Protein backbone atom coordinates (compact mmCIF):
# COMPACT_ATOMS: atom_id res chain seq x y z
CA MET A 1 23.49 -11.43 42.26
CA ARG A 2 19.90 -11.30 41.03
CA ILE A 3 19.10 -14.94 41.89
CA LEU A 4 20.94 -15.29 45.20
CA GLY A 5 20.40 -11.73 46.41
CA LYS A 6 24.11 -11.56 47.31
CA LYS A 7 26.92 -9.27 46.35
CA PRO A 8 29.27 -10.83 43.78
CA GLU A 9 32.22 -10.46 46.16
CA HIS A 10 30.39 -12.75 48.62
CA THR A 11 29.76 -15.47 46.05
CA HIS A 12 32.12 -18.39 45.41
CA ILE A 13 31.85 -20.93 42.63
CA VAL A 14 33.44 -24.37 42.86
CA ILE A 15 33.65 -26.62 39.79
CA GLN A 16 34.30 -30.27 40.47
CA GLU A 17 34.70 -32.53 37.46
CA ILE A 18 33.26 -36.01 37.87
CA ALA A 19 34.10 -38.82 35.48
CA GLU A 20 31.12 -39.97 33.40
CA GLU A 21 31.38 -43.52 34.76
CA ASP A 22 30.96 -42.15 38.32
CA TRP A 23 27.54 -40.58 37.64
CA GLY A 24 24.35 -42.38 38.57
CA PHE A 25 20.72 -42.25 37.49
CA CYS A 26 17.65 -44.05 38.89
CA GLY A 27 19.76 -45.88 41.48
CA LEU A 28 22.21 -47.26 38.91
CA LEU A 29 25.59 -46.17 37.64
CA THR A 30 25.07 -44.38 34.34
CA ASP A 31 26.82 -47.14 32.35
CA ASP A 32 24.55 -49.79 33.91
CA TRP A 33 21.46 -47.63 33.29
CA LYS A 34 22.44 -47.20 29.61
CA LYS A 35 22.90 -50.97 29.24
CA GLN A 36 19.48 -51.55 30.79
CA GLN A 37 17.86 -49.02 28.44
CA ASN A 38 19.51 -50.62 25.40
CA SER A 39 18.35 -54.11 26.40
CA GLU A 40 14.75 -52.86 26.84
CA SER A 41 14.66 -51.04 23.48
CA PRO A 42 13.04 -52.92 20.61
CA THR A 43 15.48 -53.93 17.91
CA VAL A 44 14.88 -52.48 14.45
CA SER A 45 15.42 -54.95 11.61
CA ASN A 46 16.50 -54.03 8.08
CA GLN A 47 14.06 -56.29 6.21
């Protein structure tokens, strides 16, 4: 009510669940973006 300036009885909320694999980020599907980030990260060795 405070943010929208509307009465609560005039406000509707819709929740739509989206599978994680259907999200995208930076023009890529999230899974592809994660793979890209992992391949760009330097590997830490245990020497």
